């Protein structure tokens, strides 16, 4: 088997994987937009702020995703929230 026949054999799998990956990223993007809209609607009654925040996520989230440092801080933040809740339940 030469390289060209191998590439022709795996081409449909590569295309399928790329399509599934694009669909996953699109679903994440749409869910972040919906979450942002619902969150800003709960925090503010200003319609302009709601539209502006949603548009900012719509335009800029694909360009600037969360930095990896955010994911490194997540366990620390969750543990501090848990400790704070335990302290308040003891009072």
C-alpha atoms as a PDB file:
ATOM      1  CA  UNK A   1       0.000   0.000   0.000  1.00  0.00           C
ATOM      2  CA  UNK A   2       1.309   3.364  -0.895  1.00  0.00           C
ATOM      3  CA  UNK A   3       0.680   6.590   0.992  1.00  0.00           C
ATOM      4  CA  UNK A   4      -1.935   7.858  -1.450  1.00  0.00           C
ATOM      5  CA  UNK A   5      -4.161   4.815  -1.029  1.00  0.00           C
ATOM      6  CA  UNK A   6      -3.877   5.055   2.754  1.00  0.00           C
ATOM      7  CA  UNK A   7      -4.897   8.714   2.660  1.00  0.00           C
ATOM      8  CA  UNK A   8      -7.818   7.900   0.362  1.00  0.00           C
ATOM      9  CA  UNK A   9      -8.932   5.176   2.774  1.00  0.00           C
ATOM     10  CA  UNK A  10      -8.921   7.390   5.890  1.00  0.00           C
ATOM     11  CA  UNK A  11     -10.245  10.560   4.246  1.00  0.00           C
ATOM     12  CA  UNK A  12     -13.937   9.865   5.099  1.00  0.00           C
ATOM     13  CA  UNK A  13     -13.020   9.309   8.761  1.00  0.00           C
ATOM     14  CA  UNK A  14     -11.067  12.551   8.916  1.00  0.00           C
ATOM     15  CA  UNK A  15     -13.958  14.466   7.367  1.00  0.00           C
ATOM     16  CA  UNK A  16     -16.426  12.864   9.800  1.00  0.00           C
ATOM     17  CA  UNK A  17     -14.203  13.690  12.785  1.00  0.00           C
ATOM     18  CA  UNK A  18     -13.811  17.303  11.626  1.00  0.00           C
ATOM     19  CA  UNK A  19     -17.574  17.667  11.181  1.00  0.00           C
ATOM     20  CA  UNK A  20     -18.300  16.233  14.644  1.00  0.00           C
ATOM     21  CA  UNK A  21     -15.667  18.460  16.231  1.00  0.00           C
ATOM     22  CA  UNK A  22     -17.111  21.537  14.495  1.00  0.00           C
ATOM     23  CA  UNK A  23     -20.620  20.576  15.666  1.00  0.00           C
ATOM     24  CA  UNK A  24     -19.355  20.189  19.247  1.00  0.00           C
ATOM     25  CA  UNK A  25     -17.652  23.598  19.202  1.00  0.00           C
ATOM     26  CA  UNK A  26     -20.775  25.186  17.752  1.00  0.00           C
ATOM     27  CA  UNK A  27     -22.916  23.627  20.490  1.00  0.00           C
ATOM     28  CA  UNK A  28     -20.559  24.945  23.187  1.00  0.00           C
ATOM     29  CA  UNK A  29     -20.592  28.396  21.617  1.00  0.00           C
ATOM     30  CA  UNK A  30     -24.409  28.524  21.430  1.00  0.00           C
ATOM     31  CA  UNK A  31     -24.748  27.269  25.007  1.00  0.00           C
ATOM     32  CA  UNK A  32     -22.379  29.989  26.263  1.00  0.00           C
ATOM     33  CA  UNK A  33     -24.428  32.616  24.427  1.00  0.00           C
ATOM     34  CA  UNK A  34     -27.660  31.322  25.985  1.00  0.00           C
ATOM     35  CA  UNK A  35     -26.069  31.137  29.421  1.00  0.00           C
ATOM     36  CA  UNK A  36     -24.773  34.710  29.109  1.00  0.00           C
ATOM     37  CA  UNK A  37     -28.163  36.022  28.071  1.00  0.00           C
ATOM     38  CA  UNK A  38     -29.927  34.298  30.954  1.00  0.00           C
ATOM     39  CA  UNK A  39     -27.278  35.397  33.451  1.00  0.00           C
ATOM     40  CA  UNK A  40     -27.302  39.059  32.437  1.00  0.00           C
ATOM     41  CA  UNK A  41     -31.104  39.041  32.351  1.00  0.00           C
ATOM     42  CA  UNK A  42     -31.128  37.868  35.974  1.00  0.00           C
ATOM     43  CA  UNK A  43     -28.564  40.501  37.006  1.00  0.00           C
ATOM     44  CA  UNK A  44     -29.772  43.577  35.141  1.00  0.00           C
ATOM     45  CA  UNK A  45     -33.026  45.058  33.940  1.00  0.00           C
ATOM     46  CA  UNK A  46     -31.257  47.281  31.423  1.00  0.00           C
ATOM     47  CA  UNK A  47     -32.104  45.944  27.966  1.00  0.00           C
ATOM     48  CA  UNK A  48     -29.068  47.665  26.415  1.00  0.00           C
ATOM     49  CA  UNK A  49     -26.726  45.883  28.846  1.00  0.00           C
ATOM     50  CA  UNK A  50     -28.396  42.553  28.106  1.00  0.00           C
ATOM     51  CA  UNK A  51     -28.018  42.990  24.350  1.00  0.00           C
ATOM     52  CA  UNK A  52     -24.456  44.304  24.634  1.00  0.00           C
ATOM     53  CA  UNK A  53     -23.265  41.450  26.853  1.00  0.00           C
ATOM     54  CA  UNK A  54     -24.842  38.856  24.588  1.00  0.00           C
ATOM     55  CA  UNK A  55     -23.344  40.433  21.468  1.00  0.00           C
ATOM     56  CA  UNK A  56     -19.911  40.589  23.089  1.00  0.00           C
ATOM     57  CA  UNK A  57     -20.011  36.865  23.797  1.00  0.00           C
ATOM     58  CA  UNK A  58     -21.403  36.192  20.331  1.00  0.00           C
ATOM     59  CA  UNK A  59     -18.528  38.031  18.684  1.00  0.00           C
ATOM     60  CA  UNK A  60     -15.546  37.602  21.001  1.00  0.00           C
ATOM     61  CA  UNK A  61     -15.878  34.197  22.686  1.00  0.00           C
ATOM     62  CA  UNK A  62     -14.627  32.272  19.631  1.00  0.00           C
ATOM     63  CA  UNK A  63     -11.585  34.551  19.520  1.00  0.00           C
ATOM     64  CA  UNK A  64     -10.712  34.564  23.232  1.00  0.00           C
ATOM     65  CA  UNK A  65     -11.632  31.338  25.031  1.00  0.00           C
ATOM     66  CA  UNK A  66     -10.909  30.830  28.720  1.00  0.00           C
ATOM     67  CA  UNK A  67      -7.200  30.703  29.478  1.00  0.00           C
ATOM     68  CA  UNK A  68      -5.784  27.419  30.793  1.00  0.00           C
ATOM     69  CA  UNK A  69      -4.977  29.121  34.100  1.00  0.00           C
ATOM     70  CA  UNK A  70      -8.721  29.412  34.748  1.00  0.00           C
ATOM     71  CA  UNK A  71      -9.042  25.647  34.721  1.00  0.00           C
ATOM     72  CA  UNK A  72      -6.065  25.286  37.082  1.00  0.00           C
ATOM     73  CA  UNK A  73      -7.745  27.604  39.601  1.00  0.00           C
ATOM     74  CA  UNK A  74     -11.107  25.833  39.471  1.00  0.00           C
ATOM     75  CA  UNK A  75     -10.372  23.129  42.114  1.00  0.00           C
ATOM     76  CA  UNK A  76      -9.019  25.782  44.495  1.00  0.00           C
ATOM     77  CA  UNK A  77     -12.101  27.966  44.023  1.00  0.00           C
ATOM     78  CA  UNK A  78     -14.476  25.048  44.561  1.00  0.00           C
ATOM     79  CA  UNK A  79     -12.702  23.991  47.749  1.00  0.00           C
ATOM     80  CA  UNK A  80     -12.750  27.532  49.146  1.00  0.00           C
ATOM     81  CA  UNK A  81     -16.483  27.815  48.404  1.00  0.00           C
ATOM     82  CA  UNK A  82     -17.058  24.502  50.148  1.00  0.00           C
ATOM     83  CA  UNK A  83     -15.075  25.598  53.212  1.00  0.00           C
ATOM     84  CA  UNK A  84     -16.965  28.887  53.343  1.00  0.00           C
ATOM     85  CA  UNK A  85     -20.310  27.090  53.227  1.00  0.00           C
ATOM     86  CA  UNK A  86     -19.203  24.724  56.019  1.00  0.00           C
ATOM     87  CA  UNK A  87     -18.089  27.650  58.159  1.00  0.00           C
ATOM     88  CA  UNK A  88     -21.411  29.419  57.721  1.00  0.00           C
ATOM     89  CA  UNK A  89     -23.380  26.297  58.588  1.00  0.00           C
ATOM     90  CA  UNK A  90     -21.474  26.058  61.899  1.00  0.00           C
ATOM     91  CA  UNK A  91     -22.377  29.589  62.935  1.00  0.00           C
END
